[in-house]
Protein backbone atom coordinates (compact mmCIF):
# COMPACT_ATOMS: atom_id res chain seq x y z
CA MET A 1 71.81 216.47 75.23
CA PRO A 2 72.16 217.23 78.97
CA PRO A 3 73.77 214.57 81.15
CA THR A 4 71.37 212.34 83.04
CA ALA A 5 70.98 213.00 86.72
CA LYS A 6 73.06 210.79 88.96
CA ILE A 7 70.95 208.36 90.95
CA THR A 8 72.28 208.15 94.51
CA LYS A 9 71.84 205.48 97.12
CA ASP A 10 69.79 207.91 99.23
CA MET A 11 67.47 208.63 96.29
CA ILE A 12 66.90 204.91 95.83
CA VAL A 13 66.17 204.33 99.53
CA ASP A 14 63.84 207.35 99.65
CA SER A 15 61.96 206.06 96.61
CA GLY A 16 61.74 202.58 98.14
CA LEU A 17 60.39 204.06 101.36
CA LYS A 18 57.81 206.05 99.41
CA ILE A 19 56.71 202.90 97.56
CA VAL A 20 56.31 200.93 100.79
CA ARG A 21 54.39 203.79 102.44
CA GLU A 22 52.00 204.27 99.55
CA GLU A 23 51.68 200.80 98.01
CA GLY A 24 52.94 198.25 100.53
CA ALA A 25 56.09 196.18 100.95
CA ASP A 26 55.07 193.64 98.33
CA ARG A 27 55.49 196.35 95.66
CA LEU A 28 59.11 197.04 96.63
CA ASN A 29 61.34 195.73 93.85
CA VAL A 30 64.08 197.00 91.57
CA ARG A 31 61.79 197.66 88.60
CA ARG A 32 59.27 199.59 90.68
CA VAL A 33 62.02 201.76 92.20
CA ALA A 34 63.49 202.38 88.74
CA THR A 35 60.06 203.46 87.49
CA GLU A 36 59.64 205.77 90.49
CA LEU A 37 63.03 207.36 89.78
CA GLY A 38 62.53 207.46 86.02
CA CYS A 39 65.68 205.47 85.29
CA SER A 40 66.78 202.01 84.27
CA THR A 41 67.37 199.26 86.82
CA GLN A 42 71.15 199.63 86.39
CA PRO A 43 71.67 202.42 88.98
CA ILE A 44 69.66 200.50 91.57
CA MET A 45 71.63 197.30 90.97
CA TYR A 46 74.88 199.30 91.11
CA HIS A 47 74.12 200.43 94.66
CA PHE A 48 72.29 197.28 95.81
CA LYS A 49 73.62 193.95 94.59
CA THR A 50 70.45 192.10 95.56
CA VAL A 51 66.80 192.89 96.18
CA ALA A 52 67.35 191.72 99.76
CA ASP A 53 70.01 194.44 100.19
CA LEU A 54 67.56 197.04 98.87
CA LYS A 55 64.83 195.84 101.23
CA THR A 56 67.24 195.90 104.18
CA ALA A 57 68.18 199.51 103.43
CA VAL A 58 64.54 200.55 103.06
CA TYR A 59 63.70 198.69 106.30
CA SER A 60 66.43 200.67 108.11
CA ALA A 61 65.01 203.93 106.74
CA ALA A 62 61.49 202.91 107.79
CA ASP A 63 62.76 202.00 111.26
CA ALA A 64 64.47 205.39 111.64
CA PHE A 65 61.28 207.14 110.50
CA HIS A 66 59.23 205.13 113.01
CA THR A 67 61.64 205.87 115.86
CA SER A 68 61.54 209.58 115.10
CA PHE A 69 57.73 209.47 114.88
CA ILE A 70 57.22 207.87 118.27
CA MET A 71 60.10 209.56 120.12
CA THR A 72 59.50 213.18 119.05
CA PRO A 73 57.58 214.89 121.86
CA GLU A 74 54.53 217.00 121.08
CA GLU A 75 53.22 220.02 122.96
CA THR A 76 50.03 218.14 123.83
CA ASP A 77 51.83 215.27 125.59
CA PHE A 78 50.09 214.77 128.93
CA ASN A 79 52.48 212.06 130.12
CA PRO A 80 55.70 211.60 128.12
CA PHE A 81 55.82 207.84 128.62
CA LEU A 82 52.19 207.23 127.68
CA ALA A 83 52.50 209.65 124.77
CA ILE A 84 55.10 207.35 123.21
CA GLY A 85 52.59 204.49 123.33
CA LEU A 86 49.87 206.66 121.87
CA ARG A 87 52.17 207.77 119.03
CA TYR A 88 53.04 204.09 118.40
CA ILE A 89 49.33 203.33 117.96
CA ARG A 90 48.79 206.47 115.87
CA PHE A 91 51.72 205.45 113.63
CA ALA A 92 49.87 202.23 112.81
CA ALA A 93 46.80 204.26 111.86
CA GLU A 94 48.66 206.82 109.76
CA GLU A 95 51.33 204.55 108.28
CA MET A 96 49.64 201.15 107.96
CA ASN A 97 51.93 199.88 105.22
CA LEU A 98 55.08 200.91 107.07
CA PHE A 99 53.81 199.39 110.30
CA ARG A 100 53.15 196.07 108.58
CA PHE A 101 56.57 196.20 106.87
CA LEU A 102 58.35 196.89 110.17
CA PHE A 103 56.47 194.60 112.52
CA GLN A 104 54.63 191.99 110.48
CA SER A 105 57.35 190.83 108.14
CA ASP A 106 60.40 188.64 108.37
CA LYS A 107 62.57 191.75 108.74
CA LEU A 108 61.92 192.23 112.47
CA GLY A 109 65.23 191.49 114.15
CA SER A 110 64.02 189.64 117.22
CA SER A 111 61.30 187.08 117.70
CA SER A 112 61.25 187.34 121.50
CA ILE A 113 60.09 190.06 123.87
CA GLU A 114 63.45 189.79 125.66
CA GLY A 115 65.25 190.52 122.38
CA LEU A 116 63.09 193.56 121.75
CA LEU A 117 63.71 194.82 125.29
CA GLU A 118 67.45 194.67 124.72
CA SER A 119 67.36 196.92 121.65
CA GLY A 120 68.99 200.32 121.95
CA GLU A 121 65.82 202.29 121.24
CA ILE A 122 64.10 200.78 124.27
CA SER A 123 66.62 202.40 126.62
CA GLN A 124 65.29 205.78 125.47
CA ILE A 125 61.87 204.69 126.74
CA ILE A 126 62.97 202.93 129.94
CA ALA A 127 64.85 205.95 131.31
CA PRO A 128 61.75 208.20 131.53
CA LEU A 129 59.77 205.31 133.00
CA THR A 130 62.28 204.74 135.81
CA ALA A 131 62.32 208.49 136.48
CA ALA A 132 58.52 208.73 136.57
CA THR A 133 57.96 205.69 138.81
CA GLY A 134 61.14 205.34 140.88
CA PHE A 135 61.34 201.70 139.78
CA SER A 136 64.60 199.91 139.13
CA GLU A 137 65.52 199.44 135.49
CA GLU A 138 64.56 195.77 135.75
CA LYS A 139 61.10 196.56 137.15
CA ALA A 140 60.62 199.32 134.56
CA ARG A 141 61.42 196.80 131.80
CA GLU A 142 58.83 194.41 133.23
CA VAL A 143 56.17 197.15 133.22
CA PHE A 144 57.20 198.24 129.75
CA SER A 145 56.99 194.71 128.33
CA VAL A 146 53.36 194.32 129.42
CA LEU A 147 52.45 197.80 128.20
CA PHE A 148 54.26 197.14 124.91
CA ILE A 149 52.22 193.98 124.28
CA CYS A 150 49.03 195.98 124.86
CA VAL A 151 50.13 198.89 122.64
CA HIS A 152 51.47 196.65 119.89
CA GLY A 153 48.30 194.58 119.88
CA ALA A 154 46.16 197.68 119.45
CA ALA A 155 48.46 199.00 116.72
CA SER A 156 48.38 195.66 114.90
CA LEU A 157 44.59 195.60 114.95
CA ILE A 158 44.53 199.09 113.47
CA ALA A 159 47.19 198.37 110.83
CA ASN A 160 45.20 195.36 109.64
CA ASN A 161 41.93 197.32 109.42
CA SER A 162 40.33 195.35 112.24
CA ILE A 163 39.55 198.43 114.33
CA GLY A 164 39.61 202.18 113.80
CA TYR A 165 41.76 204.74 115.57
CA ASP A 166 39.97 206.60 118.36
CA GLN A 167 42.46 208.75 120.24
CA ASP A 168 40.24 209.35 123.28
CA TYR A 169 39.66 205.62 123.69
CA PHE A 170 43.38 204.84 123.47
CA VAL A 171 44.32 207.62 125.90
CA THR A 172 41.89 206.11 128.43
CA MET A 173 43.04 202.54 127.71
CA LEU A 174 46.74 203.38 128.05
CA THR A 175 46.21 205.46 131.19
CA ARG A 176 44.24 202.70 132.90
CA THR A 177 46.68 200.00 131.82
CA PHE A 178 49.68 202.05 132.93
CA ASN A 179 48.13 202.97 136.28
CA GLY A 180 47.13 199.35 136.86
CA LEU A 181 50.64 198.11 136.08
CA ILE A 182 52.18 200.69 138.40
CA ALA A 183 49.77 199.81 141.22
CA ALA A 184 50.36 196.08 140.75
CA SER A 185 54.14 196.56 140.72
CA GLN A 186 54.04 198.72 143.85
CA GLU A 187 51.88 196.11 145.58
CA GLU A 188 54.36 193.38 144.62
CA ASN A 189 57.18 195.47 146.10
CA HIS A 190 55.34 195.76 149.43
CA GLU A 191 54.66 192.01 149.55
CA THR A 192 58.35 191.15 149.10
CA ILE A 193 59.56 193.46 151.89
């Protein structure tokens, strides 16, 4: 009889991520992962002492996948900053279960917009915004926070099947919102001089 394949931590996390993507976060448990891997629950419990530990690891993998999805430029990007917002919305359309797991569960690390703005990933977005507008980092974060609320709201509506994804509509919406925020911020700068 051949030896059984060794179940690694990465295999478990990958299976958990697959389950969340295809079936939703409520289906993520030790038995379901064991079934997916074709093994007993023992290897899963060896690597993850609790279900909470398993969910945390899968959440981290989902977060890394999401970051890669929104931050990887595409040849069709018309405006790199706005393209990130559009990919964020598209992620909600293409990965509804992952979006809900990441942003509509108790796993989200911060419950305030200020906390989200302090995360490391946001710096990758703020830098191109300051370069494109000439704004200070503080002003760029203000613009980003308003745009984020708009983008996240649209993505949440899509992820919960309230509206459909229409790329042309969202390109127009994001462009108008972005241009309006830039104009309003520039006007504020002139008033304070």
